[in-house]
Amino acid sequence: MTESFRHSGEYHKEQASPGHLGGTQGAYPPPPAYEPEPAGAPAAAHRRRAKGPVALLAAVALAAAAVGGGTAYAVQTLTGDDGGTGAKNVNGTSVSAGSKGTVSGVAAAVTPSTVEINASGNAGKSTGSGVIITSDGEIVTNNHVISGATSITVRTSDGKTYRAKTVGTDSKKDLALIKLEGASGLKAASLGDSDKVQVGDEVVAIGSPEGLTGTVTSGIISALDRDVTVSADPGKGGGQEQQGPGGGWPFEFGGQEFNGDTGSSKTTYKALQTDASLNPGNSGGALIDMNGNIVGINSAMYAPSSGSGGAGGSGDSGSVGLGFAIPVNTVKADLAKLRAGADG
């Protein structure tokens, strides 16, 4: 029907007499080029009724934001708007729409991109974690996990085991790049933007504490730009992950030493601080935002051993909510150097 609504009083009575709806001799004049400006209380009510769907959409969007998906995401999903890009983000470790903002969703998306690393050398053995960044097996981890190692074995989340070789190291940033032998078709992680991380943001940590592959914990970013000091002596690798009193890599923070002596050769880097539970073996693992993007590489955590006293005088072993991660933007800035075979 092409008829428009007409309010009482808009046309003369002789124009408003009944006609044949589909005929050629209807009594109504042609509709105006635009709908007349409504006036009076009935028009206002009509406008209020027209707002109903918009109000409902806004209410649904706000409810989605409370769950963790975000208002913008909810509106985009309900309206089918892709932000004008014409494409959906389906690569890397993006969390599915139905699981967005949940720990389980992040774990399901990113666990296939995390690995357990076992390194051995003259100094002993170490167990750590790593993050797959290419489908053919490039993996980022901490320098202290593999430094000094003569043999590196990597186990992926599906249980497959690979041998790996060191590509490059940067002891000043406690970063290393290793490459799996004969790997293909692996799920690479999505590297996020650590400059956008804020205190209070929820994060998920995935790693292999105590050799328990694929362990998932969660927490928040509790501070930014923390100065963390670790050993810069590559000769202390290949087993140092397990040599601290609490089983953790020795580091310094706030003028105190944690997990043992860092030695005479040291380096300091800016780190993200998190209260997500980190334990020995988490080193080199992923710190992830709620969209499934890697925002940090877990590098240092305080894990006091029973009877050691530690910095806080605690006699309990395990995480105490003091963990640190190397910002992913530091990793991205260092990748070219690592791929070129840096050794330092």
C-alpha atoms as a PDB file:
ATOM      1  CA  MET A   1       0.000   0.000   0.000  1.00  0.00           C
ATOM      2  CA  THR A   2       1.242   3.452  -0.750  1.00  0.00           C
ATOM      3  CA  GLU A   3      -1.137   5.271   1.572  1.00  0.00           C
ATOM      4  CA  SER A   4       0.449   7.338   4.340  1.00  0.00           C
ATOM      5  CA  PHE A   5      -1.138   7.910   7.719  1.00  0.00           C
ATOM      6  CA  ARG A   6      -3.278  11.041   7.974  1.00  0.00           C
ATOM      7  CA  HIS A   7      -4.251  12.655  11.212  1.00  0.00           C
ATOM      8  CA  SER A   8      -7.653  14.216  11.834  1.00  0.00           C
ATOM      9  CA  GLY A   9      -7.937  17.707  10.439  1.00  0.00           C
ATOM     10  CA  GLU A  10      -5.159  17.422   7.853  1.00  0.00           C
ATOM     11  CA  TYR A  11      -7.567  17.346   4.834  1.00  0.00           C
ATOM     12  CA  HIS A  12     -11.100  18.537   4.140  1.00  0.00           C
ATOM     13  CA  LYS A  13     -13.881  16.056   4.766  1.00  0.00           C
ATOM     14  CA  GLU A  14     -14.796  15.808   1.095  1.00  0.00           C
ATOM     15  CA  GLN A  15     -11.202  14.620   0.427  1.00  0.00           C
ATOM     16  CA  ALA A  16     -11.355  12.014   3.152  1.00  0.00           C
ATOM     17  CA  SER A  17     -14.454  10.159   1.837  1.00  0.00           C
ATOM     18  CA  PRO A  18     -13.968   6.432   1.168  1.00  0.00           C
ATOM     19  CA  GLY A  19     -12.674   5.321  -2.210  1.00  0.00           C
ATOM     20  CA  HIS A  20     -11.625   2.080  -3.905  1.00  0.00           C
ATOM     21  CA  LEU A  21      -8.230   1.008  -2.489  1.00  0.00           C
ATOM     22  CA  GLY A  22      -6.830  -0.418  -5.687  1.00  0.00           C
ATOM     23  CA  GLY A  23      -8.989   1.403  -8.240  1.00  0.00           C
ATOM     24  CA  THR A  24      -8.315   4.177 -10.636  1.00  0.00           C
ATOM     25  CA  GLN A  25     -11.026   6.500  -9.321  1.00  0.00           C
ATOM     26  CA  GLY A  26     -10.161   6.764  -5.635  1.00  0.00           C
ATOM     27  CA  ALA A  27     -11.446   9.800  -3.763  1.00  0.00           C
ATOM     28  CA  TYR A  28      -8.118  10.486  -2.043  1.00  0.00           C
ATOM     29  CA  PRO A  29      -5.711  12.990  -3.559  1.00  0.00           C
ATOM     30  CA  PRO A  30      -2.143  11.819  -4.263  1.00  0.00           C
ATOM     31  CA  PRO A  31      -0.063  11.531  -1.067  1.00  0.00           C
ATOM     32  CA  PRO A  32       2.230  14.466  -0.317  1.00  0.00           C
ATOM     33  CA  ALA A  33       5.900  14.226  -1.370  1.00  0.00           C
ATOM     34  CA  TYR A  34       6.800  13.953   2.308  1.00  0.00           C
ATOM     35  CA  GLU A  35       4.852  13.092   5.377  1.00  0.00           C
ATOM     36  CA  PRO A  36       3.355  16.224   6.944  1.00  0.00           C
ATOM     37  CA  GLU A  37       4.963  17.472  10.116  1.00  0.00           C
ATOM     38  CA  PRO A  38       3.048  15.767  12.937  1.00  0.00           C
ATOM     39  CA  ALA A  39       1.494  18.056  15.507  1.00  0.00           C
ATOM     40  CA  GLY A  40      -0.075  17.606  18.906  1.00  0.00           C
ATOM     41  CA  ALA A  41      -0.038  14.806  21.464  1.00  0.00           C
ATOM     42  CA  PRO A  42      -0.880  11.922  19.043  1.00  0.00           C
ATOM     43  CA  ALA A  43       2.192  12.704  16.918  1.00  0.00           C
ATOM     44  CA  ALA A  44       4.446  12.766  19.978  1.00  0.00           C
ATOM     45  CA  ALA A  45       3.123   9.385  21.006  1.00  0.00           C
ATOM     46  CA  HIS A  46       3.825   8.106  17.505  1.00  0.00           C
ATOM     47  CA  ARG A  47       7.424   9.286  17.767  1.00  0.00           C
ATOM     48  CA  ARG A  48       7.820   7.578  21.141  1.00  0.00           C
ATOM     49  CA  ARG A  49       6.535   4.330  19.660  1.00  0.00           C
ATOM     50  CA  ALA A  50       9.041   4.598  16.792  1.00  0.00           C
ATOM     51  CA  LYS A  51      11.875   4.664  19.290  1.00  0.00           C
ATOM     52  CA  GLY A  52      10.930   1.258  20.688  1.00  0.00           C
ATOM     53  CA  PRO A  53      13.275  -0.899  18.509  1.00  0.00           C
ATOM     54  CA  VAL A  54      16.168   1.496  19.050  1.00  0.00           C
ATOM     55  CA  ALA A  55      15.686   1.410  22.800  1.00  0.00           C
ATOM     56  CA  LEU A  56      15.518  -2.380  22.738  1.00  0.00           C
ATOM     57  CA  LEU A  57      18.748  -2.570  20.709  1.00  0.00           C
ATOM     58  CA  ALA A  58      20.510  -0.249  23.135  1.00  0.00           C
ATOM     59  CA  ALA A  59      19.328  -2.306  26.118  1.00  0.00           C
ATOM     60  CA  VAL A  60      20.613  -5.527  24.560  1.00  0.00           C
ATOM     61  CA  ALA A  61      23.944  -3.876  23.748  1.00  0.00           C
ATOM     62  CA  LEU A  62      24.387  -2.636  27.299  1.00  0.00           C
ATOM     63  CA  ALA A  63      23.592  -6.086  28.665  1.00  0.00           C
ATOM     64  CA  ALA A  64      26.246  -7.578  26.384  1.00  0.00           C
ATOM     65  CA  ALA A  65      28.751  -5.042  27.631  1.00  0.00           C
ATOM     66  CA  ALA A  66      28.099  -6.106  31.215  1.00  0.00           C
ATOM     67  CA  VAL A  67      28.905  -9.690  30.289  1.00  0.00           C
ATOM     68  CA  GLY A  68      32.200  -8.608  28.791  1.00  0.00           C
ATOM     69  CA  GLY A  69      31.624  -8.486  25.038  1.00  0.00           C
ATOM     70  CA  GLY A  70      31.427  -4.704  24.793  1.00  0.00           C
ATOM     71  CA  THR A  71      28.629  -2.400  23.656  1.00  0.00           C
ATOM     72  CA  ALA A  72      30.176  -1.718  20.273  1.00  0.00           C
ATOM     73  CA  TYR A  73      30.566  -5.417  19.624  1.00  0.00           C
ATOM     74  CA  ALA A  74      26.959  -6.126  20.587  1.00  0.00           C
ATOM     75  CA  VAL A  75      25.567  -3.363  18.367  1.00  0.00           C
ATOM     76  CA  GLN A  76      27.743  -4.521  15.483  1.00  0.00           C
ATOM     77  CA  THR A  77      26.587  -8.119  15.886  1.00  0.00           C
ATOM     78  CA  LEU A  78      22.889  -7.239  16.139  1.00  0.00           C
ATOM     79  CA  THR A  79      22.897  -4.876  13.186  1.00  0.00           C
ATOM     80  CA  GLY A  80      25.232  -6.933  11.032  1.00  0.00           C
ATOM     81  CA  ASP A  81      27.567  -3.963  10.654  1.00  0.00           C
ATOM     82  CA  ASP A  82      31.185  -4.966  10.166  1.00  0.00           C
ATOM     83  CA  GLY A  83      32.489  -1.484  10.778  1.00  0.00           C
ATOM     84  CA  GLY A  84      32.832  -0.753   7.088  1.00  0.00           C
ATOM     85  CA  THR A  85      35.769  -3.093   6.572  1.00  0.00           C
ATOM     86  CA  GLY A  86      33.812  -5.610   4.529  1.00  0.00           C
ATOM     87  CA  ALA A  87      35.736  -8.477   6.186  1.00  0.00           C
ATOM     88  CA  LYS A  88      35.644 -10.448   9.398  1.00  0.00           C
ATOM     89  CA  ASN A  89      38.656 -11.084  11.619  1.00  0.00           C
ATOM     90  CA  VAL A  90      39.074 -14.833  11.386  1.00  0.00           C
ATOM     91  CA  ASN A  91      42.827 -15.308  11.461  1.00  0.00           C
ATOM     92  CA  GLY A  92      45.144 -16.021  14.362  1.00  0.00           C
ATOM     93  CA  THR A  93      43.700 -16.742  17.781  1.00  0.00           C
ATOM     94  CA  SER A  94      40.551 -14.611  17.630  1.00  0.00           C
ATOM     95  CA  VAL A  95      37.914 -15.692  20.134  1.00  0.00           C
ATOM     96  CA  SER A  96      34.615 -16.858  18.635  1.00  0.00           C
ATOM     97  CA  ALA A  97      31.699 -14.447  18.898  1.00  0.00           C
ATOM     98  CA  GLY A  98      29.765 -16.684  21.277  1.00  0.00           C
ATOM     99  CA  SER A  99      32.722 -16.972  23.699  1.00  0.00           C
ATOM    100  CA  LYS A 100      34.024 -13.408  23.468  1.00  0.00           C
ATOM    101  CA  GLY A 101      35.092 -12.024  26.832  1.00  0.00           C
ATOM    102  CA  THR A 102      35.219 -15.390  28.627  1.00  0.00           C
ATOM    103  CA  VAL A 103      38.213 -17.244  30.042  1.00  0.00           C
ATOM    104  CA  SER A 104      36.982 -20.480  28.466  1.00  0.00           C
ATOM    105  CA  GLY A 105      36.695 -18.794  25.075  1.00  0.00           C
ATOM    106  CA  VAL A 106      40.218 -17.392  25.298  1.00  0.00           C
ATOM    107  CA  ALA A 107      41.604 -20.743  26.444  1.00  0.00           C
ATOM    108  CA  ALA A 108      39.933 -22.607  23.580  1.00  0.00           C
ATOM    109  CA  ALA A 109      41.223 -20.113  21.013  1.00  0.00           C
ATOM    110  CA  VAL A 110      44.814 -19.713  22.209  1.00  0.00           C
ATOM    111  CA  THR A 111      45.823 -23.043  23.775  1.00  0.00           C
ATOM    112  CA  PRO A 112      46.645 -24.536  20.330  1.00  0.00           C
ATOM    113  CA  SER A 113      49.183 -21.707  19.912  1.00  0.00           C
ATOM    114  CA  THR A 114      51.070 -22.460  23.134  1.00  0.00           C
ATOM    115  CA  VAL A 115      53.736 -25.114  23.706  1.00  0.00           C
ATOM    116  CA  GLU A 116      55.806 -26.756  26.411  1.00  0.00           C
ATOM    117  CA  ILE A 117      59.584 -26.424  26.028  1.00  0.00           C
ATOM    118  CA  ASN A 118      62.113 -28.812  27.558  1.00  0.00           C
ATOM    119  CA  ALA A 119      65.750 -27.754  27.261  1.00  0.00           C
ATOM    120  CA  SER A 120      68.855 -29.490  28.489  1.00  0.00           C
ATOM    121  CA  GLY A 121      72.512 -28.462  28.614  1.00  0.00           C
ATOM    122  CA  ASN A 122      75.639 -28.572  30.725  1.00  0.00           C
ATOM    123  CA  ALA A 123      73.912 -26.609  33.488  1.00  0.00           C
ATOM    124  CA  GLY A 124      71.015 -29.041  33.721  1.00  0.00           C
ATOM    125  CA  LYS A 125      67.446 -29.179  32.476  1.00  0.00           C
ATOM    126  CA  SER A 126      64.686 -26.609  32.316  1.00  0.00           C
ATOM    127  CA  THR A 127      60.995 -26.584  31.514  1.00  0.00           C
ATOM    128  CA  GLY A 128      59.240 -23.551  30.132  1.00  0.00           C
ATOM    129  CA  SER A 129      56.569 -22.414  27.718  1.00  0.00           C
ATOM    130  CA  GLY A 130      56.402 -20.741  24.332  1.00  0.00           C
ATOM    131  CA  VAL A 131      54.057 -19.063  21.861  1.00  0.00           C
ATOM    132  CA  ILE A 132      53.734 -20.136  18.219  1.00  0.00           C
ATOM    133  CA  ILE A 133      53.914 -17.104  15.922  1.00  0.00           C
ATOM    134  CA  THR A 134      54.088 -18.771  12.477  1.00  0.00           C
ATOM    135  CA  SER A 135      52.389 -21.851  11.057  1.00  0.00           C
ATOM    136  CA  ASP A 136      55.750 -23.439  10.239  1.00  0.00           C
ATOM    137  CA  GLY A 137      56.924 -23.400  13.838  1.00  0.00           C
ATOM    138  CA  GLU A 138      58.560 -20.132  14.892  1.00  0.00           C
ATOM    139  CA  ILE A 139      58.161 -19.873  18.659  1.00  0.00           C
ATOM    140  CA  VAL A 140      58.854 -16.985  21.027  1.00  0.00           C
ATOM    141  CA  THR A 141      59.991 -17.796  24.546  1.00  0.00           C
ATOM    142  CA  ASN A 142      62.278 -16.417  27.264  1.00  0.00           C
ATOM    143  CA  ASN A 143      66.007 -16.441  26.752  1.00  0.00           C
ATOM    144  CA  HIS A 144      66.518 -17.941  30.204  1.00  0.00           C
ATOM    145  CA  VAL A 145      64.418 -20.981  29.252  1.00  0.00           C
ATOM    146  CA  ILE A 146      66.703 -22.128  26.406  1.00  0.00           C
ATOM    147  CA  SER A 147      69.975 -20.266  26.939  1.00  0.00           C
ATOM    148  CA  GLY A 148      72.937 -22.624  27.024  1.00  0.00           C
ATOM    149  CA  ALA A 149      70.824 -25.574  25.895  1.00  0.00           C
ATOM    150  CA  THR A 150      72.321 -28.243  23.662  1.00  0.00           C
ATOM    151  CA  SER A 151      68.980 -29.966  23.104  1.00  0.00           C
ATOM    152  CA  ILE A 152      65.479 -28.476  22.850  1.00  0.00           C
ATOM    153  CA  THR A 153      62.282 -30.518  22.667  1.00  0.00           C
ATOM    154  CA  VAL A 154      58.878 -28.931  22.166  1.00  0.00           C
ATOM    155  CA  ARG A 155      55.450 -30.458  22.772  1.00  0.00           C
ATOM    156  CA  THR A 156      52.387 -28.874  21.190  1.00  0.00           C
ATOM    157  CA  SER A 157      48.888 -28.865  22.676  1.00  0.00           C
ATOM    158  CA  ASP A 158      47.847 -31.896  20.601  1.00  0.00           C
ATOM    159  CA  GLY A 159      50.622 -33.978  22.145  1.00  0.00           C
ATOM    160  CA  LYS A 160      53.004 -33.963  19.187  1.00  0.00           C
ATOM    161  CA  THR A 161      56.717 -33.627  19.956  1.00  0.00           C
ATOM    162  CA  TYR A 162      59.269 -31.759  17.851  1.00  0.00           C
ATOM    163  CA  ARG A 163      62.950 -31.007  18.044  1.00  0.00           C
ATOM    164  CA  ALA A 164      63.809 -27.329  17.862  1.00  0.00           C
ATOM    165  CA  LYS A 165      66.805 -25.141  17.167  1.00  0.00           C
ATOM    166  CA  THR A 166      67.628 -21.708  18.518  1.00  0.00           C
ATOM    167  CA  VAL A 167      67.270 -19.000  15.858  1.00  0.00           C
ATOM    168  CA  GLY A 168      68.184 -15.929  17.892  1.00  0.00           C
ATOM    169  CA  THR A 169      68.445 -14.654  21.458  1.00  0.00           C
ATOM    170  CA  ASP A 170      68.372 -11.295  23.212  1.00  0.00           C
ATOM    171  CA  SER A 171      69.435 -11.648  26.828  1.00  0.00           C
ATOM    172  CA  LYS A 172      68.927  -7.920  27.508  1.00  0.00           C
ATOM    173  CA  LYS A 173      65.214  -8.342  26.867  1.00  0.00           C
ATOM    174  CA  ASP A 174      65.081 -11.984  28.012  1.00  0.00           C
ATOM    175  CA  LEU A 175      63.691 -13.054  24.642  1.00  0.00           C
ATOM    176  CA  ALA A 176      64.502 -15.936  22.330  1.00  0.00           C
ATOM    177  CA  LEU A 177      63.199 -17.292  19.035  1.00  0.00           C
ATOM    178  CA  ILE A 178      63.312 -21.023  18.305  1.00  0.00           C
ATOM    179  CA  LYS A 179      62.150 -22.972  15.235  1.00  0.00           C
ATOM    180  CA  LEU A 180      60.583 -26.422  15.142  1.00  0.00           C
ATOM    181  CA  GLU A 181      61.978 -29.000  12.733  1.00  0.00           C
ATOM    182  CA  GLY A 182      59.511 -30.395  10.194  1.00  0.00           C
ATOM    183  CA  ALA A 183      56.467 -28.507  11.451  1.00  0.00           C
ATOM    184  CA  SER A 184      53.639 -27.151   9.314  1.00  0.00           C
ATOM    185  CA  GLY A 185      50.003 -26.196   9.645  1.00  0.00           C
ATOM    186  CA  LEU A 186      50.348 -24.945  13.208  1.00  0.00           C
ATOM    187  CA  LYS A 187      47.970 -22.331  14.609  1.00  0.00           C
ATOM    188  CA  ALA A 188      49.827 -19.050  15.000  1.00  0.00           C
ATOM    189  CA  ALA A 189      48.886 -16.660  17.785  1.00  0.00           C
ATOM    190  CA  SER A 190      47.571 -13.161  17.152  1.00  0.00           C
ATOM    191  CA  LEU A 191      49.992 -10.587  18.532  1.00  0.00           C
ATOM    192  CA  GLY A 192      48.085  -7.691  20.082  1.00  0.00           C
ATOM    193  CA  ASP A 193      49.050  -4.148  21.071  1.00  0.00           C
ATOM    194  CA  SER A 194      50.448  -3.866  24.596  1.00  0.00           C
ATOM    195  CA  ASP A 195      50.365  -0.062  24.406  1.00  0.00           C
ATOM    196  CA  LYS A 196      46.572  -0.297  24.662  1.00  0.00           C
ATOM    197  CA  VAL A 197      46.638  -2.397  27.833  1.00  0.00           C
ATOM    198  CA  GLN A 198      45.311  -0.639  30.931  1.00  0.00           C
ATOM    199  CA  VAL A 199      45.474  -1.382  34.625  1.00  0.00           C
ATOM    200  CA  GLY A 200      42.450  -3.474  35.550  1.00  0.00           C
ATOM    201  CA  ASP A 201      42.157  -5.207  32.175  1.00  0.00           C
ATOM    202  CA  GLU A 202      41.333  -8.891  32.480  1.00  0.00           C
ATOM    203  CA  VAL A 203      43.980 -11.289  31.175  1.00  0.00           C
ATOM    204  CA  VAL A 204      44.514 -15.026  30.816  1.00  0.00           C
ATOM    205  CA  ALA A 205      47.832 -16.852  31.233  1.00  0.00           C
ATOM    206  CA  ILE A 206      48.540 -20.144  29.479  1.00  0.00           C
ATOM    207  CA  GLY A 207      51.688 -22.169  30.034  1.00  0.00           C
ATOM    208  CA  SER A 208      53.254 -25.310  31.461  1.00  0.00           C
ATOM    209  CA  PRO A 209      53.830 -24.733  35.187  1.00  0.00           C
ATOM    210  CA  GLU A 210      55.649 -27.703  36.708  1.00  0.00           C
ATOM    211  CA  GLY A 211      55.357 -29.400  33.309  1.00  0.00           C
ATOM    212  CA  LEU A 212      51.539 -29.325  33.323  1.00  0.00           C
ATOM    213  CA  THR A 213      51.005 -28.430  29.664  1.00  0.00           C
ATOM    214  CA  GLY A 214      48.145 -26.097  28.777  1.00  0.00           C
ATOM    215  CA  THR A 215      47.439 -24.834  32.297  1.00  0.00           C
ATOM    216  CA  VAL A 216      45.106 -21.822  32.252  1.00  0.00           C
ATOM    217  CA  THR A 217      44.864 -19.116  34.924  1.00  0.00           C
ATOM    218  CA  SER A 218      43.320 -15.661  34.888  1.00  0.00           C
ATOM    219  CA  GLY A 219      43.596 -12.302  36.600  1.00  0.00           C
ATOM    220  CA  ILE A 220      44.071  -8.647  35.777  1.00  0.00           C
ATOM    221  CA  ILE A 221      46.825  -6.263  34.763  1.00  0.00           C
ATOM    222  CA  SER A 222      47.808  -4.850  38.133  1.00  0.00           C
ATOM    223  CA  ALA A 223      50.474  -2.364  36.994  1.00  0.00           C
ATOM    224  CA  LEU A 224      52.319  -1.116  33.930  1.00  0.00           C
ATOM    225  CA  ASP A 225      55.966  -0.294  33.169  1.00  0.00           C
ATOM    226  CA  ARG A 226      57.455  -2.166  36.106  1.00  0.00           C
ATOM    227  CA  ASP A 227      61.263  -2.282  36.105  1.00  0.00           C
ATOM    228  CA  VAL A 228      62.221  -5.955  36.318  1.00  0.00           C
ATOM    229  CA  THR A 229      65.871  -6.992  36.530  1.00  0.00           C
ATOM    230  CA  VAL A 230      67.112 -10.436  35.460  1.00  0.00           C
ATOM    231  CA  SER A 231      70.441 -12.037  34.725  1.00  0.00           C
ATOM    232  CA  ALA A 232      71.959 -11.083  31.375  1.00  0.00           C
ATOM    233  CA  ASP A 233      74.519 -13.906  31.483  1.00  0.00           C
ATOM    234  CA  PRO A 234      73.644 -16.479  28.811  1.00  0.00           C
ATOM    235  CA  GLY A 235      75.900 -18.950  30.562  1.00  0.00           C
ATOM    236  CA  LYS A 236      73.385 -19.193  33.410  1.00  0.00           C
ATOM    237  CA  GLY A 237      70.718 -20.730  31.153  1.00  0.00           C
ATOM    238  CA  GLY A 238      69.876 -24.350  30.471  1.00  0.00           C
ATOM    239  CA  GLY A 239      68.455 -25.191  33.872  1.00  0.00           C
ATOM    240  CA  GLN A 240      68.145 -21.900  35.693  1.00  0.00           C
ATOM    241  CA  GLU A 241      64.363 -22.035  35.370  1.00  0.00           C
ATOM    242  CA  GLN A 242      64.453 -24.649  38.131  1.00  0.00           C
ATOM    243  CA  GLN A 243      67.380 -23.413  40.226  1.00  0.00           C
ATOM    244  CA  GLY A 244      65.813 -20.672  42.336  1.00  0.00           C
ATOM    245  CA  PRO A 245      64.785 -21.522  45.918  1.00  0.00           C
ATOM    246  CA  GLY A 246      61.143 -21.492  44.852  1.00  0.00           C
ATOM    247  CA  GLY A 247      61.850 -23.151  41.540  1.00  0.00           C
ATOM    248  CA  GLY A 248      61.567 -19.862  39.641  1.00  0.00           C
ATOM    249  CA  TRP A 249      63.952 -17.768  37.590  1.00  0.00           C
ATOM    250  CA  PRO A 250      65.776 -15.258  39.834  1.00  0.00           C
ATOM    251  CA  PHE A 251      64.818 -11.618  39.298  1.00  0.00           C
ATOM    252  CA  GLU A 252      64.919  -8.264  41.062  1.00  0.00           C
ATOM    253  CA  PHE A 253      62.038  -5.881  41.585  1.00  0.00           C
ATOM    254  CA  GLY A 254      61.672  -2.870  43.847  1.00  0.00           C
ATOM    255  CA  GLY A 255      65.208  -3.238  45.179  1.00  0.00           C
ATOM    256  CA  GLN A 256      64.662  -6.838  46.339  1.00  0.00           C
ATOM    257  CA  GLU A 257      65.805 -10.173  44.966  1.00  0.00           C
ATOM    258  CA  PHE A 258      63.302 -12.944  44.323  1.00  0.00           C
ATOM    259  CA  ASN A 259      63.938 -16.649  43.734  1.00  0.00           C
ATOM    260  CA  GLY A 260      67.678 -16.345  44.378  1.00  0.00           C
ATOM    261  CA  ASP A 261      70.735 -14.489  43.117  1.00  0.00           C
ATOM    262  CA  THR A 262      70.527 -12.775  39.729  1.00  0.00           C
ATOM    263  CA  GLY A 263      74.320 -12.698  39.432  1.00  0.00           C
ATOM    264  CA  SER A 264      76.654  -9.876  38.514  1.00  0.00           C
ATOM    265  CA  SER A 265      75.571  -9.423  34.881  1.00  0.00           C
ATOM    266  CA  LYS A 266      72.048  -7.990  34.848  1.00  0.00           C
ATOM    267  CA  THR A 267      69.563  -6.320  32.570  1.00  0.00           C
ATOM    268  CA  THR A 268      66.372  -4.383  33.313  1.00  0.00           C
ATOM    269  CA  TYR A 269      63.273  -4.168  31.144  1.00  0.00           C
ATOM    270  CA  LYS A 270      59.810  -2.644  31.429  1.00  0.00           C
ATOM    271  CA  ALA A 271      57.165  -5.237  32.210  1.00  0.00           C
ATOM    272  CA  LEU A 272      53.433  -5.685  32.638  1.00  0.00           C
ATOM    273  CA  GLN A 273      52.518  -6.766  36.158  1.00  0.00           C
ATOM    274  CA  THR A 274      49.706  -9.279  36.641  1.00  0.00           C
ATOM    275  CA  ASP A 275      48.058 -11.133  39.500  1.00  0.00           C
ATOM    276  CA  ALA A 276      47.225 -14.092  37.235  1.00  0.00           C
ATOM    277  CA  SER A 277      48.745 -17.143  38.880  1.00  0.00           C
ATOM    278  CA  LEU A 278      52.192 -17.854  37.397  1.00  0.00           C
ATOM    279  CA  ASN A 279      54.436 -20.668  38.545  1.00  0.00           C
ATOM    280  CA  PRO A 280      57.757 -22.213  37.492  1.00  0.00           C
ATOM    281  CA  GLY A 281      57.358 -23.401  33.918  1.00  0.00           C
ATOM    282  CA  ASN A 282      55.131 -20.464  32.919  1.00  0.00           C
ATOM    283  CA  SER A 283      58.195 -18.587  31.670  1.00  0.00           C
ATOM    284  CA  GLY A 284      57.889 -17.882  27.966  1.00  0.00           C
ATOM    285  CA  GLY A 285      54.140 -18.521  27.977  1.00  0.00           C
ATOM    286  CA  ALA A 286      51.315 -16.313  26.802  1.00  0.00           C
ATOM    287  CA  LEU A 287      49.577 -13.460  28.606  1.00  0.00           C
ATOM    288  CA  ILE A 288      46.386 -12.845  26.647  1.00  0.00           C
ATOM    289  CA  ASP A 289      43.653 -10.233  26.539  1.00  0.00           C
ATOM    290  CA  MET A 290      39.976 -11.203  26.455  1.00  0.00           C
ATOM    291  CA  ASN A 291      39.868 -10.970  22.659  1.00  0.00           C
ATOM    292  CA  GLY A 292      42.482 -13.709  22.307  1.00  0.00           C
ATOM    293  CA  ASN A 293      45.416 -11.442  21.462  1.00  0.00           C
ATOM    294  CA  ILE A 294      48.841 -11.956  23.006  1.00  0.00           C
ATOM    295  CA  VAL A 295      49.736  -8.867  25.059  1.00  0.00           C
ATOM    296  CA  GLY A 296      52.792 -10.226  26.880  1.00  0.00           C
ATOM    297  CA  ILE A 297      55.274 -13.078  27.259  1.00  0.00           C
ATOM    298  CA  ASN A 298      55.337 -14.252  30.881  1.00  0.00           C
ATOM    299  CA  SER A 299      58.863 -13.907  32.187  1.00  0.00           C
ATOM    300  CA  ALA A 300      59.179 -13.623  35.952  1.00  0.00           C
ATOM    301  CA  MET A 301      57.125 -14.608  38.961  1.00  0.00           C
ATOM    302  CA  TYR A 302      57.693 -14.811  42.686  1.00  0.00           C
ATOM    303  CA  ALA A 303      57.207 -18.372  43.909  1.00  0.00           C
ATOM    304  CA  PRO A 304      58.565 -18.754  47.458  1.00  0.00           C
ATOM    305  CA  SER A 305      59.521 -22.259  48.530  1.00  0.00           C
ATOM    306  CA  SER A 306      58.535 -23.842  51.810  1.00  0.00           C
ATOM    307  CA  GLY A 307      60.830 -22.625  54.531  1.00  0.00           C
ATOM    308  CA  SER A 308      62.711 -20.222  52.287  1.00  0.00           C
ATOM    309  CA  GLY A 309      61.071 -17.169  53.788  1.00  0.00           C
ATOM    310  CA  GLY A 310      61.235 -15.288  50.517  1.00  0.00           C
ATOM    311  CA  ALA A 311      60.892 -11.551  50.240  1.00  0.00           C
ATOM    312  CA  GLY A 312      57.631 -11.463  52.149  1.00  0.00           C
ATOM    313  CA  GLY A 313      58.512 -14.004  54.780  1.00  0.00           C
ATOM    314  CA  SER A 314      56.017 -16.509  53.417  1.00  0.00           C
ATOM    315  CA  GLY A 315      56.627 -20.173  54.037  1.00  0.00           C
ATOM    316  CA  ASP A 316      54.184 -21.346  51.360  1.00  0.00           C
ATOM    317  CA  SER A 317      55.206 -22.330  47.866  1.00  0.00           C
ATOM    318  CA  GLY A 318      53.389 -21.326  44.706  1.00  0.00           C
ATOM    319  CA  SER A 319      52.191 -18.109  43.138  1.00  0.00           C
ATOM    320  CA  VAL A 320      51.540 -15.102  45.355  1.00  0.00           C
ATOM    321  CA  GLY A 321      50.047 -12.902  42.638  1.00  0.00           C
ATOM    322  CA  LEU A 322      53.293 -11.190  41.693  1.00  0.00           C
ATOM    323  CA  GLY A 323      54.005 -11.956  38.057  1.00  0.00           C
ATOM    324  CA  PHE A 324      55.554 -10.041  35.177  1.00  0.00           C
ATOM    325  CA  ALA A 325      55.369 -10.251  31.396  1.00  0.00           C
ATOM    326  CA  ILE A 326      57.416  -8.711  28.609  1.00  0.00           C
ATOM    327  CA  PRO A 327      55.059  -6.451  26.587  1.00  0.00           C
ATOM    328  CA  VAL A 328      54.256  -7.932  23.181  1.00  0.00           C
ATOM    329  CA  ASN A 329      55.235  -4.683  21.452  1.00  0.00           C
ATOM    330  CA  THR A 330      58.765  -5.256  22.766  1.00  0.00           C
ATOM    331  CA  VAL A 331      58.630  -8.719  21.207  1.00  0.00           C
ATOM    332  CA  LYS A 332      57.416  -7.404  17.847  1.00  0.00           C
ATOM    333  CA  ALA A 333      60.133  -4.748  17.782  1.00  0.00           C
ATOM    334  CA  ASP A 334      62.759  -7.441  18.438  1.00  0.00           C
ATOM    335  CA  LEU A 335      61.564 -10.060  15.949  1.00  0.00           C
ATOM    336  CA  ALA A 336      63.652  -8.915  12.982  1.00  0.00           C
ATOM    337  CA  LYS A 337      66.780  -9.017  15.126  1.00  0.00           C
ATOM    338  CA  LEU A 338      65.943 -12.465  16.469  1.00  0.00           C
ATOM    339  CA  ARG A 339      65.172 -13.823  12.993  1.00  0.00           C
ATOM    340  CA  ALA A 340      68.507 -12.509  11.786  1.00  0.00           C
ATOM    341  CA  GLY A 341      70.236 -14.792  14.299  1.00  0.00           C
ATOM    342  CA  ALA A 342      71.060 -12.384  17.108  1.00  0.00           C
ATOM    343  CA  ASP A 343      73.152 -13.972  19.841  1.00  0.00           C
ATOM    344  CA  GLY A 344      73.344 -11.864  22.924  1.00  0.00           C
END
